[in-house]
Amino acid sequence: MGYSLWIALLTTLICLVIAYPVALVVAFAAPKWRPLLLLLVILPFWTNLLVRTYALKSVLGSSSPLSQLAEGIYKSVTGSETFPGLILNDLGVIIGLVYVHLPFMVLPLYTALEKLDRSYLEASLDLGASQWRTFFQVMVPLTLPAIIAGCIITFIPAFGALVTPALLGGTDSLMIGSLIEDQIKRANNWPLGSALSMLLVYATFLILALQSWLSERRARRTELRA
């Protein structure tokens, strides 16, 4: 559970860091380019997850050009003669989960940024704020609900991921989804598998309840300020 939590949190954070600039580019692009950029974002959904994961395994495999390039950079930087590889370890799991769940983070951020009143940004810049200060003190607070929603819909499936850790992870990359499958299919231990499944469901409900409570609290603060 702790390993799954750590991997899911790291995946969510990386997705957020990558998705926000991508959503900015799409939202602030010219109207004629937005449909094409959105199509590129959602294009992976047209292919089955298993097919995408096997394709990613080939792209990141030891004999692939990308892996050989990463090996050369790693050895030149660290001076080590052994390269851990891009798959069959925790790095492979994180790369796979980020690749699979990145669109879930981009889409809500794009929706919020596309509807954002840009006069707030212009006012902040006109009053002397820098680009970075405008971003962190104006844009991020205004899009915070979308950030929270994106983190939740990215974290929950990443926490219970099964296919990606099984194909891209090593022997130590055992997440709770893989453990549930092992207990039910291989060990034939249905009681433990069912208990772990319920723990996963309870964790999901807890996250959703926390998000609802935070939204309620934010709405009350807004009403009091008004």
C-alpha atoms as a PDB file:
ATOM      1  CA  MET A   1       0.000   0.000   0.000  1.00  0.00           C
ATOM      2  CA  GLY A   2       2.818   2.391   0.883  1.00  0.00           C
ATOM      3  CA  TYR A   3       4.673   1.661  -2.345  1.00  0.00           C
ATOM      4  CA  SER A   4       1.486   2.132  -4.393  1.00  0.00           C
ATOM      5  CA  LEU A   5       0.795   5.406  -2.593  1.00  0.00           C
ATOM      6  CA  TRP A   6       4.312   6.691  -3.268  1.00  0.00           C
ATOM      7  CA  ILE A   7       4.248   5.743  -6.961  1.00  0.00           C
ATOM      8  CA  ALA A   8       0.767   7.233  -7.454  1.00  0.00           C
ATOM      9  CA  LEU A   9       1.730  10.503  -5.722  1.00  0.00           C
ATOM     10  CA  LEU A  10       4.925  10.823  -7.757  1.00  0.00           C
ATOM     11  CA  THR A  11       3.018  10.059 -10.966  1.00  0.00           C
ATOM     12  CA  THR A  12       0.402  12.697 -10.128  1.00  0.00           C
ATOM     13  CA  LEU A  13       3.058  15.315  -9.377  1.00  0.00           C
ATOM     14  CA  ILE A  14       4.964  14.649 -12.616  1.00  0.00           C
ATOM     15  CA  CYS A  15       1.721  14.721 -14.612  1.00  0.00           C
ATOM     16  CA  LEU A  16       0.822  18.075 -13.056  1.00  0.00           C
ATOM     17  CA  VAL A  17       4.229  19.581 -13.852  1.00  0.00           C
ATOM     18  CA  ILE A  18       4.026  18.413 -17.477  1.00  0.00           C
ATOM     19  CA  ALA A  19       0.302  18.942 -18.037  1.00  0.00           C
ATOM     20  CA  TYR A  20       0.048  22.568 -16.908  1.00  0.00           C
ATOM     21  CA  PRO A  21       2.376  23.946 -19.626  1.00  0.00           C
ATOM     22  CA  VAL A  22       0.705  21.682 -22.197  1.00  0.00           C
ATOM     23  CA  ALA A  23      -2.734  22.939 -21.171  1.00  0.00           C
ATOM     24  CA  LEU A  24      -1.447  26.522 -21.337  1.00  0.00           C
ATOM     25  CA  VAL A  25      -0.177  26.011 -24.874  1.00  0.00           C
ATOM     26  CA  VAL A  26      -3.491  24.503 -26.002  1.00  0.00           C
ATOM     27  CA  ALA A  27      -5.669  27.093 -24.223  1.00  0.00           C
ATOM     28  CA  PHE A  28      -3.683  30.108 -25.481  1.00  0.00           C
ATOM     29  CA  ALA A  29      -3.171  28.764 -29.006  1.00  0.00           C
ATOM     30  CA  ALA A  30      -4.921  30.285 -31.985  1.00  0.00           C
ATOM     31  CA  PRO A  31      -8.528  29.027 -32.365  1.00  0.00           C
ATOM     32  CA  LYS A  32      -7.720  27.225 -35.605  1.00  0.00           C
ATOM     33  CA  TRP A  33      -4.999  25.151 -33.908  1.00  0.00           C
ATOM     34  CA  ARG A  34      -6.887  24.169 -30.741  1.00  0.00           C
ATOM     35  CA  PRO A  35      -8.866  21.251 -32.225  1.00  0.00           C
ATOM     36  CA  LEU A  36      -5.686  19.731 -33.631  1.00  0.00           C
ATOM     37  CA  LEU A  37      -3.803  20.132 -30.334  1.00  0.00           C
ATOM     38  CA  LEU A  38      -6.712  18.641 -28.378  1.00  0.00           C
ATOM     39  CA  LEU A  39      -6.803  15.752 -30.839  1.00  0.00           C
ATOM     40  CA  LEU A  40      -3.120  15.064 -30.148  1.00  0.00           C
ATOM     41  CA  VAL A  41      -3.852  15.035 -26.406  1.00  0.00           C
ATOM     42  CA  ILE A  42      -6.743  12.554 -26.590  1.00  0.00           C
ATOM     43  CA  LEU A  43      -5.336  10.472 -29.462  1.00  0.00           C
ATOM     44  CA  PRO A  44      -3.849   7.788 -27.127  1.00  0.00           C
ATOM     45  CA  PHE A  45      -7.379   7.001 -25.863  1.00  0.00           C
ATOM     46  CA  TRP A  46      -8.178   5.570 -29.294  1.00  0.00           C
ATOM     47  CA  THR A  47      -5.817   2.667 -28.650  1.00  0.00           C
ATOM     48  CA  ASN A  48      -6.271  -0.056 -26.058  1.00  0.00           C
ATOM     49  CA  LEU A  49      -4.226   0.352 -22.858  1.00  0.00           C
ATOM     50  CA  LEU A  50      -2.586  -3.050 -23.269  1.00  0.00           C
ATOM     51  CA  VAL A  51      -1.466  -2.236 -26.813  1.00  0.00           C
ATOM     52  CA  ARG A  52      -0.084   1.140 -25.715  1.00  0.00           C
ATOM     53  CA  THR A  53       1.818  -0.452 -22.842  1.00  0.00           C
ATOM     54  CA  TYR A  54       3.398  -3.095 -25.077  1.00  0.00           C
ATOM     55  CA  ALA A  55       4.345  -0.368 -27.556  1.00  0.00           C
ATOM     56  CA  LEU A  56       5.934   1.650 -24.756  1.00  0.00           C
ATOM     57  CA  LYS A  57       7.803  -1.451 -23.630  1.00  0.00           C
ATOM     58  CA  SER A  58       9.308  -1.749 -27.112  1.00  0.00           C
ATOM     59  CA  VAL A  59      10.178   1.958 -27.223  1.00  0.00           C
ATOM     60  CA  LEU A  60      11.927   1.820 -23.831  1.00  0.00           C
ATOM     61  CA  GLY A  61      13.480  -1.648 -24.214  1.00  0.00           C
ATOM     62  CA  SER A  62      17.212  -2.233 -23.891  1.00  0.00           C
ATOM     63  CA  SER A  63      17.739  -2.501 -27.655  1.00  0.00           C
ATOM     64  CA  SER A  64      15.764   0.630 -28.545  1.00  0.00           C
ATOM     65  CA  PRO A  65      17.538   3.831 -29.711  1.00  0.00           C
ATOM     66  CA  LEU A  66      15.986   5.776 -26.821  1.00  0.00           C
ATOM     67  CA  SER A  67      17.352   3.341 -24.256  1.00  0.00           C
ATOM     68  CA  GLN A  68      20.808   3.377 -25.850  1.00  0.00           C
ATOM     69  CA  LEU A  69      20.816   7.192 -25.822  1.00  0.00           C
ATOM     70  CA  ALA A  70      19.776   7.232 -22.160  1.00  0.00           C
ATOM     71  CA  GLU A  71      22.488   4.659 -21.371  1.00  0.00           C
ATOM     72  CA  GLY A  72      25.174   6.812 -22.998  1.00  0.00           C
ATOM     73  CA  ILE A  73      24.044   9.918 -21.100  1.00  0.00           C
ATOM     74  CA  TYR A  74      23.816   8.002 -17.820  1.00  0.00           C
ATOM     75  CA  LYS A  75      27.297   6.506 -18.119  1.00  0.00           C
ATOM     76  CA  SER A  76      28.889   9.806 -19.147  1.00  0.00           C
ATOM     77  CA  VAL A  77      27.276  11.684 -16.260  1.00  0.00           C
ATOM     78  CA  THR A  78      27.695   9.108 -13.482  1.00  0.00           C
ATOM     79  CA  GLY A  79      30.812   7.299 -14.707  1.00  0.00           C
ATOM     80  CA  SER A  80      29.125   3.995 -13.948  1.00  0.00           C
ATOM     81  CA  GLU A  81      29.505   0.988 -16.239  1.00  0.00           C
ATOM     82  CA  THR A  82      26.093  -0.490 -15.391  1.00  0.00           C
ATOM     83  CA  PHE A  83      22.866   1.049 -16.654  1.00  0.00           C
ATOM     84  CA  PRO A  84      19.675   0.094 -14.756  1.00  0.00           C
ATOM     85  CA  GLY A  85      17.527   0.494 -17.875  1.00  0.00           C
ATOM     86  CA  LEU A  86      14.324   2.393 -18.506  1.00  0.00           C
ATOM     87  CA  ILE A  87      11.974  -0.519 -17.791  1.00  0.00           C
ATOM     88  CA  LEU A  88      11.683  -3.477 -15.410  1.00  0.00           C
ATOM     89  CA  ASN A  89      12.208  -1.097 -12.488  1.00  0.00           C
ATOM     90  CA  ASP A  90      10.430   1.741 -10.677  1.00  0.00           C
ATOM     91  CA  LEU A  91      11.458   4.203 -13.386  1.00  0.00           C
ATOM     92  CA  GLY A  92       9.651   2.144 -16.004  1.00  0.00           C
ATOM     93  CA  VAL A  93       6.500   2.061 -13.869  1.00  0.00           C
ATOM     94  CA  ILE A  94       6.538   5.850 -13.391  1.00  0.00           C
ATOM     95  CA  ILE A  95       7.208   6.537 -17.090  1.00  0.00           C
ATOM     96  CA  GLY A  96       4.371   4.208 -18.074  1.00  0.00           C
ATOM     97  CA  LEU A  97       1.899   5.647 -15.556  1.00  0.00           C
ATOM     98  CA  VAL A  98       2.739   9.225 -16.541  1.00  0.00           C
ATOM     99  CA  TYR A  99       2.299   8.382 -20.215  1.00  0.00           C
ATOM    100  CA  VAL A 100      -1.055   6.678 -19.602  1.00  0.00           C
ATOM    101  CA  HIS A 101      -2.564   9.232 -17.194  1.00  0.00           C
ATOM    102  CA  LEU A 102      -1.206  12.510 -18.580  1.00  0.00           C
ATOM    103  CA  PRO A 103      -4.368  13.269 -20.643  1.00  0.00           C
ATOM    104  CA  PHE A 104      -6.478  12.976 -17.474  1.00  0.00           C
ATOM    105  CA  MET A 105      -4.524  15.906 -16.066  1.00  0.00           C
ATOM    106  CA  VAL A 106      -4.375  17.983 -19.247  1.00  0.00           C
ATOM    107  CA  LEU A 107      -8.094  18.033 -20.049  1.00  0.00           C
ATOM    108  CA  PRO A 108      -9.471  19.590 -16.815  1.00  0.00           C
ATOM    109  CA  LEU A 109      -6.622  22.106 -16.766  1.00  0.00           C
ATOM    110  CA  TYR A 110      -7.313  23.057 -20.365  1.00  0.00           C
ATOM    111  CA  THR A 111     -11.024  23.535 -19.606  1.00  0.00           C
ATOM    112  CA  ALA A 112     -10.244  25.868 -16.692  1.00  0.00           C
ATOM    113  CA  LEU A 113      -7.598  27.838 -18.582  1.00  0.00           C
ATOM    114  CA  GLU A 114      -9.771  28.184 -21.668  1.00  0.00           C
ATOM    115  CA  LYS A 115     -12.581  29.707 -19.563  1.00  0.00           C
ATOM    116  CA  LEU A 116     -10.216  31.879 -17.512  1.00  0.00           C
ATOM    117  CA  ASP A 117     -10.928  35.619 -17.590  1.00  0.00           C
ATOM    118  CA  ARG A 118      -7.666  36.917 -19.003  1.00  0.00           C
ATOM    119  CA  SER A 119      -8.364  40.437 -17.801  1.00  0.00           C
ATOM    120  CA  TYR A 120      -7.090  39.303 -14.377  1.00  0.00           C
ATOM    121  CA  LEU A 121      -3.756  38.398 -15.931  1.00  0.00           C
ATOM    122  CA  GLU A 122      -3.580  41.678 -17.822  1.00  0.00           C
ATOM    123  CA  ALA A 123      -4.417  43.628 -14.670  1.00  0.00           C
ATOM    124  CA  SER A 124      -1.710  41.831 -12.708  1.00  0.00           C
ATOM    125  CA  LEU A 125       0.912  42.577 -15.373  1.00  0.00           C
ATOM    126  CA  ASP A 126      -0.233  46.205 -15.707  1.00  0.00           C
ATOM    127  CA  LEU A 127       0.124  46.696 -11.958  1.00  0.00           C
ATOM    128  CA  GLY A 128       3.784  45.668 -12.102  1.00  0.00           C
ATOM    129  CA  ALA A 129       3.715  41.955 -11.268  1.00  0.00           C
ATOM    130  CA  SER A 130       6.198  39.745 -13.093  1.00  0.00           C
ATOM    131  CA  GLN A 131       5.189  36.830 -15.289  1.00  0.00           C
ATOM    132  CA  TRP A 132       6.082  34.314 -12.582  1.00  0.00           C
ATOM    133  CA  ARG A 133       4.242  36.217  -9.862  1.00  0.00           C
ATOM    134  CA  THR A 134       1.170  36.504 -12.075  1.00  0.00           C
ATOM    135  CA  PHE A 135       1.335  32.777 -12.723  1.00  0.00           C
ATOM    136  CA  PHE A 136       1.678  31.699  -9.090  1.00  0.00           C
ATOM    137  CA  GLN A 137      -0.518  34.326  -7.418  1.00  0.00           C
ATOM    138  CA  VAL A 138      -3.242  34.824 -10.030  1.00  0.00           C
ATOM    139  CA  MET A 139      -3.438  31.959 -12.530  1.00  0.00           C
ATOM    140  CA  VAL A 140      -2.784  29.050 -10.164  1.00  0.00           C
ATOM    141  CA  PRO A 141      -5.359  30.151  -7.533  1.00  0.00           C
ATOM    142  CA  LEU A 142      -7.984  30.719 -10.236  1.00  0.00           C
ATOM    143  CA  THR A 143      -7.402  27.246 -11.681  1.00  0.00           C
ATOM    144  CA  LEU A 144      -6.996  25.489  -8.310  1.00  0.00           C
ATOM    145  CA  PRO A 145     -10.305  23.552  -8.562  1.00  0.00           C
ATOM    146  CA  ALA A 146      -9.171  22.137 -11.915  1.00  0.00           C
ATOM    147  CA  ILE A 147      -5.775  21.253 -10.438  1.00  0.00           C
ATOM    148  CA  ILE A 148      -7.454  19.361  -7.579  1.00  0.00           C
ATOM    149  CA  ALA A 149      -9.843  17.587  -9.971  1.00  0.00           C
ATOM    150  CA  GLY A 150      -6.981  16.620 -12.290  1.00  0.00           C
ATOM    151  CA  CYS A 151      -4.898  15.305  -9.389  1.00  0.00           C
ATOM    152  CA  ILE A 152      -7.788  13.177  -8.139  1.00  0.00           C
ATOM    153  CA  ILE A 153      -8.686  11.604 -11.495  1.00  0.00           C
ATOM    154  CA  THR A 154      -4.982  10.948 -12.086  1.00  0.00           C
ATOM    155  CA  PHE A 155      -4.119   9.630  -8.623  1.00  0.00           C
ATOM    156  CA  ILE A 156      -7.021   7.188  -8.222  1.00  0.00           C
ATOM    157  CA  PRO A 157      -6.387   5.067 -11.369  1.00  0.00           C
ATOM    158  CA  ALA A 158      -2.614   5.317 -10.870  1.00  0.00           C
ATOM    159  CA  PHE A 159      -2.991   4.005  -7.307  1.00  0.00           C
ATOM    160  CA  GLY A 160      -4.801   0.870  -8.483  1.00  0.00           C
ATOM    161  CA  ALA A 161      -2.892   0.375 -11.750  1.00  0.00           C
ATOM    162  CA  LEU A 162      -2.404  -3.215 -12.873  1.00  0.00           C
ATOM    163  CA  VAL A 163      -1.265  -3.505 -16.496  1.00  0.00           C
ATOM    164  CA  THR A 164       1.496  -0.882 -16.450  1.00  0.00           C
ATOM    165  CA  PRO A 165       3.362  -2.140 -13.338  1.00  0.00           C
ATOM    166  CA  ALA A 166       3.009  -5.741 -14.507  1.00  0.00           C
ATOM    167  CA  LEU A 167       4.596  -5.070 -17.920  1.00  0.00           C
ATOM    168  CA  LEU A 168       7.043  -2.252 -17.188  1.00  0.00           C
ATOM    169  CA  GLY A 169       7.966  -2.934 -13.567  1.00  0.00           C
ATOM    170  CA  GLY A 170      10.485  -5.315 -12.067  1.00  0.00           C
ATOM    171  CA  THR A 171      10.096  -7.976  -9.423  1.00  0.00           C
ATOM    172  CA  ASP A 172      10.102  -5.343  -6.669  1.00  0.00           C
ATOM    173  CA  SER A 173       7.517  -3.134  -8.389  1.00  0.00           C
ATOM    174  CA  LEU A 174       4.505  -4.772  -6.768  1.00  0.00           C
ATOM    175  CA  MET A 175       1.584  -2.361  -6.564  1.00  0.00           C
ATOM    176  CA  ILE A 176      -1.706  -3.153  -4.899  1.00  0.00           C
ATOM    177  CA  GLY A 177      -3.468  -3.897  -8.196  1.00  0.00           C
ATOM    178  CA  SER A 178      -0.886  -6.544  -9.055  1.00  0.00           C
ATOM    179  CA  LEU A 179      -1.076  -7.952  -5.522  1.00  0.00           C
ATOM    180  CA  ILE A 180      -4.866  -8.314  -5.783  1.00  0.00           C
ATOM    181  CA  GLU A 181      -4.500 -10.153  -9.099  1.00  0.00           C
ATOM    182  CA  ASP A 182      -1.833 -12.470  -7.638  1.00  0.00           C
ATOM    183  CA  GLN A 183      -3.984 -13.346  -4.620  1.00  0.00           C
ATOM    184  CA  ILE A 184      -7.109 -14.068  -6.663  1.00  0.00           C
ATOM    185  CA  LYS A 185      -5.695 -15.673  -9.826  1.00  0.00           C
ATOM    186  CA  ARG A 186      -2.473 -17.365  -8.716  1.00  0.00           C
ATOM    187  CA  ALA A 187      -2.655 -17.920  -4.958  1.00  0.00           C
ATOM    188  CA  ASN A 188      -6.423 -18.558  -5.058  1.00  0.00           C
ATOM    189  CA  ASN A 189      -6.670 -16.555  -1.838  1.00  0.00           C
ATOM    190  CA  TRP A 190     -10.013 -14.882  -2.483  1.00  0.00           C
ATOM    191  CA  PRO A 191     -10.538 -13.558   1.081  1.00  0.00           C
ATOM    192  CA  LEU A 192      -7.257 -11.597   1.071  1.00  0.00           C
ATOM    193  CA  GLY A 193      -7.806 -10.414  -2.510  1.00  0.00           C
ATOM    194  CA  SER A 194     -11.309  -9.229  -1.632  1.00  0.00           C
ATOM    195  CA  ALA A 195     -10.067  -7.469   1.496  1.00  0.00           C
ATOM    196  CA  LEU A 196      -7.378  -5.648  -0.478  1.00  0.00           C
ATOM    197  CA  SER A 197      -9.962  -4.673  -3.094  1.00  0.00           C
ATOM    198  CA  MET A 198     -12.186  -3.188  -0.410  1.00  0.00           C
ATOM    199  CA  LEU A 199      -9.221  -1.273   1.000  1.00  0.00           C
ATOM    200  CA  LEU A 200      -8.711   0.198  -2.456  1.00  0.00           C
ATOM    201  CA  VAL A 201     -12.390   1.159  -2.668  1.00  0.00           C
ATOM    202  CA  TYR A 202     -12.299   2.745   0.797  1.00  0.00           C
ATOM    203  CA  ALA A 203      -9.185   4.721  -0.104  1.00  0.00           C
ATOM    204  CA  THR A 204     -10.966   6.039  -3.210  1.00  0.00           C
ATOM    205  CA  PHE A 205     -14.029   7.046  -1.192  1.00  0.00           C
ATOM    206  CA  LEU A 206     -11.799   8.758   1.366  1.00  0.00           C
ATOM    207  CA  ILE A 207     -10.063  10.823  -1.325  1.00  0.00           C
ATOM    208  CA  LEU A 208     -13.385  11.834  -2.875  1.00  0.00           C
ATOM    209  CA  ALA A 209     -14.819  12.743   0.537  1.00  0.00           C
ATOM    210  CA  LEU A 210     -11.749  14.862   1.295  1.00  0.00           C
ATOM    211  CA  GLN A 211     -12.103  16.662  -2.040  1.00  0.00           C
ATOM    212  CA  SER A 212     -15.796  17.321  -1.355  1.00  0.00           C
ATOM    213  CA  TRP A 213     -15.011  18.679   2.111  1.00  0.00           C
ATOM    214  CA  LEU A 214     -12.317  20.992   0.741  1.00  0.00           C
ATOM    215  CA  SER A 215     -14.674  22.267  -1.977  1.00  0.00           C
ATOM    216  CA  GLU A 216     -17.365  22.969   0.624  1.00  0.00           C
ATOM    217  CA  ARG A 217     -14.906  24.793   2.823  1.00  0.00           C
ATOM    218  CA  ARG A 218     -13.662  26.890  -0.098  1.00  0.00           C
ATOM    219  CA  ALA A 219     -17.242  27.784  -1.063  1.00  0.00           C
ATOM    220  CA  ARG A 220     -18.019  28.911   2.499  1.00  0.00           C
ATOM    221  CA  ARG A 221     -14.917  31.095   2.565  1.00  0.00           C
ATOM    222  CA  THR A 222     -15.965  32.679  -0.730  1.00  0.00           C
ATOM    223  CA  GLU A 223     -19.440  33.394   0.662  1.00  0.00           C
ATOM    224  CA  LEU A 224     -17.999  34.976   3.816  1.00  0.00           C
ATOM    225  CA  ARG A 225     -15.691  37.203   1.798  1.00  0.00           C
ATOM    226  CA  ALA A 226     -18.595  38.284  -0.411  1.00  0.00           C
END
